[in-house]
Protein backbone atom coordinates (compact mmCIF):
# COMPACT_ATOMS: atom_id res chain seq x y z
CA MET A 1 0.00 0.00 0.00
CA ILE A 2 1.39 3.41 -0.99
CA PRO A 3 1.12 6.07 1.76
CA ARG A 4 -1.35 8.81 0.84
CA SER A 5 1.41 11.42 0.89
CA GLY A 6 3.38 9.68 -1.87
CA VAL A 7 6.33 8.86 0.41
CA TYR A 8 8.66 6.09 -0.80
CA LEU A 9 11.58 4.18 0.69
CA HIS A 10 14.94 4.97 -0.94
CA ASP A 11 18.44 3.65 -0.43
CA PHE A 12 21.22 6.19 -0.02
CA THR A 13 25.01 6.26 0.12
CA VAL A 14 26.95 8.91 2.02
CA VAL A 15 29.17 11.01 -0.26
CA VAL A 16 30.50 13.35 2.41
CA ASN A 17 29.55 14.11 6.00
CA GLU A 18 31.51 16.90 7.68
CA PRO A 19 31.14 19.80 10.15
CA VAL A 20 30.27 23.20 8.68
CA ALA A 21 29.85 25.06 11.99
CA ARG A 22 29.98 24.18 15.69
CA ASP A 23 27.78 21.11 16.21
CA ILE A 24 26.37 21.52 12.70
CA TYR A 25 27.13 19.04 9.90
CA MET A 26 26.48 18.77 6.19
CA LEU A 27 25.70 15.32 4.85
CA VAL A 28 25.65 14.84 1.10
CA MET A 29 23.85 11.63 0.17
CA ARG A 30 23.54 9.97 -3.20
CA SER A 31 19.97 8.82 -3.83
CA PRO A 32 19.08 9.57 -7.46
CA GLU A 33 15.35 8.92 -7.41
CA LEU A 34 14.87 10.93 -4.22
CA ALA A 35 17.00 13.80 -5.55
CA ARG A 36 14.83 14.02 -8.67
CA SER A 37 11.56 14.03 -6.72
CA LEU A 38 12.27 16.49 -3.89
CA LYS A 39 10.72 19.98 -3.98
CA PRO A 40 12.02 22.95 -1.94
CA GLY A 41 10.58 22.87 1.56
CA GLN A 42 9.85 19.15 1.68
CA PHE A 43 11.63 16.83 4.12
CA MET A 44 12.80 13.24 4.50
CA ASN A 45 12.99 10.72 7.34
CA VAL A 46 16.45 9.19 7.66
CA GLU A 47 17.19 5.79 9.18
CA VAL A 48 20.42 6.10 11.18
CA PRO A 49 22.17 2.74 11.66
CA GLY A 50 24.03 1.69 14.77
CA ASP A 51 21.36 1.16 17.45
CA ARG A 52 18.40 -1.16 16.88
CA ARG A 53 16.65 0.31 19.93
CA HIS A 54 16.28 3.56 17.98
CA LEU A 55 12.97 2.80 16.21
CA PHE A 56 12.15 6.27 14.90
CA ARG A 57 13.79 7.81 11.87
CA ILE A 58 15.13 11.36 12.05
CA PRO A 59 13.16 13.96 10.06
CA LEU A 60 15.46 16.36 8.21
CA SER A 61 14.96 19.15 5.71
CA PHE A 62 17.38 19.72 2.85
CA ALA A 63 19.30 22.65 1.44
CA HIS A 64 19.84 21.46 -2.11
CA ALA A 65 18.80 18.55 -4.32
CA ASP A 66 20.53 17.91 -7.63
CA GLY A 67 18.63 15.63 -9.96
CA GLU A 68 21.53 15.44 -12.43
CA SER A 69 24.12 14.22 -9.92
CA GLY A 70 21.52 12.35 -7.86
CA THR A 71 22.65 14.00 -4.62
CA VAL A 72 20.89 15.71 -1.72
CA GLU A 73 22.55 18.09 0.78
CA LEU A 74 21.33 17.92 4.38
CA VAL A 75 22.48 20.36 7.06
CA TYR A 76 21.67 19.26 10.61
CA ALA A 77 22.56 19.99 14.23
CA VAL A 78 24.00 17.34 16.54
CA VAL A 79 21.62 17.55 19.48
CA GLY A 80 21.30 14.00 20.78
CA GLU A 81 22.28 10.36 20.45
CA GLY A 82 20.60 9.87 17.07
CA THR A 83 22.16 12.85 15.34
CA ALA A 84 25.52 11.99 16.96
CA ARG A 85 25.36 8.60 15.23
CA LEU A 86 24.34 10.35 12.02
CA ALA A 87 27.45 12.56 12.31
CA SER A 88 29.61 9.43 12.61
CA MET A 89 28.50 8.09 9.21
CA ALA A 90 31.35 8.19 6.72
CA SER A 91 31.73 8.29 2.97
CA GLY A 92 30.49 5.01 1.50
CA ASP A 93 28.16 4.16 4.40
CA THR A 94 24.62 3.25 3.40
CA SER A 95 21.13 3.34 4.87
CA THR A 96 17.55 4.15 3.84
CA VAL A 97 15.43 7.29 3.76
CA LEU A 98 11.68 7.93 3.44
CA GLY A 99 10.72 10.75 1.14
CA PRO A 100 9.82 13.10 -0.32
CA GLY A 101 7.73 14.15 2.66
CA GLY A 102 4.99 16.73 2.94
CA ASN A 103 4.26 19.94 1.08
CA GLY A 104 6.97 22.49 0.42
CA TRP A 105 7.18 26.19 -0.38
CA THR A 106 4.82 27.88 -2.81
CA CYS A 107 6.93 30.05 -5.10
CA PRO A 108 5.71 33.67 -5.17
CA LYS A 109 4.24 34.86 -8.47
CA GLY A 110 5.94 38.23 -8.23
CA GLY A 111 7.21 40.97 -5.95
CA ARG A 112 10.01 40.91 -3.41
CA THR A 113 10.47 38.06 -0.92
CA LEU A 114 11.96 38.08 2.57
CA LEU A 115 13.43 34.78 3.78
CA VAL A 116 13.96 34.44 7.55
CA ALA A 117 15.77 31.52 9.21
CA GLY A 118 16.74 30.78 12.78
CA GLY A 119 19.39 28.20 13.71
CA VAL A 120 19.02 24.97 11.74
CA GLY A 121 15.95 26.42 10.06
CA ALA A 122 18.46 27.68 7.50
CA PRO A 123 18.51 24.65 5.12
CA PRO A 124 14.91 24.95 3.86
CA ILE A 125 15.39 28.73 3.61
CA VAL A 126 18.46 28.19 1.42
CA ALA A 127 16.35 25.83 -0.72
CA ALA A 128 13.68 28.56 -0.91
CA ALA A 129 16.32 31.12 -1.91
CA GLN A 130 17.36 28.94 -4.83
CA MET A 131 13.73 28.53 -5.89
CA VAL A 132 12.93 32.25 -5.70
CA GLY A 133 16.18 33.20 -7.42
CA GLU A 134 15.57 30.76 -10.27
CA ALA A 135 12.13 32.36 -10.72
CA GLY A 136 13.91 35.65 -11.33
CA LEU A 137 12.45 37.37 -8.26
CA PRO A 138 14.36 39.68 -5.89
CA PHE A 139 14.83 38.52 -2.32
CA ASP A 140 16.57 39.33 0.95
CA VAL A 141 17.61 36.94 3.71
CA VAL A 142 17.76 37.14 7.50
CA LEU A 143 19.76 34.46 9.34
CA GLY A 144 19.74 34.11 13.11
CA ALA A 145 22.10 32.07 15.29
CA GLN A 146 22.98 31.79 18.96
CA THR A 147 26.57 32.78 18.28
CA LYS A 148 28.94 33.30 15.34
CA ASP A 149 30.43 29.82 15.26
CA LYS A 150 26.96 28.21 15.06
CA LEU A 151 25.99 30.16 11.94
CA TRP A 152 25.47 28.47 8.58
CA GLY A 153 23.92 29.75 5.36
CA GLU A 154 25.30 33.27 4.91
CA SER A 155 27.67 32.54 2.02
CA GLU A 156 25.08 30.22 0.46
CA ALA A 157 22.41 32.94 0.50
CA ARG A 158 24.77 35.47 -1.08
CA ALA A 159 25.83 32.99 -3.76
CA LEU A 160 22.19 32.38 -4.66
CA GLY A 161 21.66 36.06 -5.38
CA ALA A 162 20.23 37.65 -2.24
CA ASP A 163 20.28 41.43 -2.47
CA GLU A 164 20.73 41.81 1.29
CA VAL A 165 21.73 39.27 3.92
CA LEU A 166 21.36 40.36 7.54
CA VAL A 167 22.74 38.15 10.31
CA THR A 168 21.67 38.29 13.95
CA THR A 169 23.31 36.57 16.90
CA ASP A 170 21.94 36.30 20.41
CA ASP A 171 25.28 37.24 21.96
CA GLY A 172 26.35 39.87 19.42
CA THR A 173 29.45 37.98 18.28
CA TYR A 174 28.51 38.61 14.63
CA GLY A 175 26.09 40.85 12.79
CA ILE A 176 23.22 42.45 14.71
CA LYS A 177 22.95 41.64 18.40
CA GLY A 178 19.38 40.57 18.86
CA PHE A 179 16.76 38.53 17.09
CA THR A 180 15.59 37.91 13.55
CA THR A 181 12.49 39.99 14.27
CA ASN A 182 14.77 43.01 14.84
CA ALA A 183 16.36 42.49 11.43
CA MET A 184 12.96 42.00 9.79
CA GLU A 185 11.70 45.26 11.26
CA GLU A 186 14.71 47.04 9.77
CA LEU A 187 14.19 45.53 6.32
CA VAL A 188 10.42 46.15 6.12
CA SER A 189 11.10 49.79 6.93
CA ARG A 190 13.21 50.01 3.75
CA HIS A 191 11.57 47.55 1.32
CA ASP A 192 8.12 46.50 0.21
CA TYR A 193 7.65 42.74 0.45
CA ASP A 194 4.94 40.60 -1.07
CA THR A 195 5.96 37.36 0.67
CA VAL A 196 7.77 36.21 3.80
CA MET A 197 9.06 32.65 4.18
CA THR A 198 10.37 31.52 7.56
CA CYS A 199 11.75 28.46 9.33
CA GLY A 200 13.25 28.10 12.79
CA PRO A 201 12.22 27.80 16.44
CA THR A 202 8.47 28.16 16.98
CA PRO A 203 8.66 31.36 19.12
CA MET A 204 10.78 33.00 16.42
CA MET A 205 8.37 32.04 13.63
CA ALA A 206 5.43 33.26 15.69
CA GLY A 207 7.14 36.66 15.94
CA ILE A 208 7.89 36.72 12.21
CA ALA A 209 4.29 35.75 11.41
CA ARG A 210 2.98 38.52 13.67
CA LEU A 211 5.17 41.14 11.99
CA ALA A 212 4.13 39.92 8.54
CA GLN A 213 0.47 40.19 9.50
CA GLU A 214 0.98 43.69 10.91
CA HIS A 215 2.52 44.79 7.61
CA GLY A 216 0.00 42.99 5.42
CA ILE A 217 2.54 40.53 3.98
CA ALA A 218 1.66 36.95 3.07
CA CYS A 219 3.73 34.56 5.20
CA GLN A 220 4.64 30.90 4.79
CA ALA A 221 6.13 29.03 7.76
CA SER A 222 7.96 25.70 7.71
CA LEU A 223 7.16 24.15 11.08
CA GLU A 224 9.49 22.00 13.13
CA LYS A 225 7.71 19.05 14.74
CA LEU A 226 8.58 15.49 15.75
CA MET A 227 7.46 13.71 12.58
CA GLY A 228 7.79 10.12 13.76
CA CYS A 229 6.45 8.19 10.77
CA GLY A 230 6.57 10.91 8.11
CA PHE A 231 3.35 9.95 6.33
CA GLY A 232 0.45 10.82 8.63
CA VAL A 233 -0.10 7.68 10.71
CA CYS A 234 1.49 8.22 14.15
CA ASN A 235 -0.17 11.59 14.96
CA CYS A 236 3.00 12.86 16.65
CA CYS A 237 3.11 16.11 14.69
CA ASN A 238 -0.33 17.66 15.08
CA VAL A 239 -0.52 21.41 14.46
CA ALA A 240 -3.33 23.47 16.07
CA MET A 241 -5.13 25.68 13.57
CA VAL A 242 -6.76 29.08 14.08
CA GLY A 243 -10.00 27.81 12.57
CA GLY A 244 -10.14 24.91 15.02
CA GLY A 245 -8.90 21.36 14.87
CA TYR A 246 -5.49 20.06 13.91
CA LYS A 247 -3.49 19.28 10.80
CA SER A 248 -0.52 16.93 10.42
CA CYS A 249 2.83 18.65 9.97
CA CYS A 250 4.20 15.75 7.91
CA THR A 251 1.41 15.56 5.33
CA ASP A 252 -0.40 18.93 5.43
CA GLY A 253 2.89 20.78 6.03
CA PRO A 254 5.63 21.21 6.96
CA VAL A 255 4.98 24.51 5.14
CA PHE A 256 1.79 26.26 6.24
CA ASP A 257 0.14 29.60 5.65
CA ALA A 258 1.32 31.26 8.86
CA SER A 259 -2.01 33.07 9.33
CA GLU A 260 -3.77 29.70 9.73
CA VAL A 261 -1.52 28.41 12.53
CA ALA A 262 -2.56 28.84 16.17
CA TRP A 263 0.83 29.97 17.45
């Protein structure tokens, strides 16, 4: 039986897996069919070998998928035992991945776009930057991190054609000392935006969504939830909606219209 979300099981081989910031790694996997099917903003559930007691896969977003080379770039934080084992995988190691999962970004039809990421919310924002840039639309990027050595995505955003890239750090070690909402307030005072896309910690996205609503800007938010199965069966990733009831992050999202989410 095929899951209703169209999720399939794929084999993958690790091409490279290396640190790109403190406690943040980039894993490039080769999985040709998956690479050809992924859309910006979707996710995958990765089986990490090494401990049979670990029954759940790890849901991860991606920064770039290349259908020609058959590779997918994942950027993830090492935050626990599962991601620590993931970081220990070496070139040539193999496992399986479920994907593509969920619904991704909706590309704007015109106007200027503001992309806002916090922490490891940067990978899907980088994927969105590529999508918007390839559509020929202008965009700016805000990246937030706890501290300078935990920042990833700045050079990637610039290389993809961002007009402005503002960085915020909680401790002021780089860029603006403060939060992504501070940087967004600065940018909306200087530019007219038609769309905001955001991914990161829930309190941050709630603040970005509030600012977007105050300024009359459409906002898409990629939510971070524990997506245990990845295809709508386990009910681990329910999202409360403003209109009542719940939706599943893994099948209805992870990208939602921010105005519909009960933050």
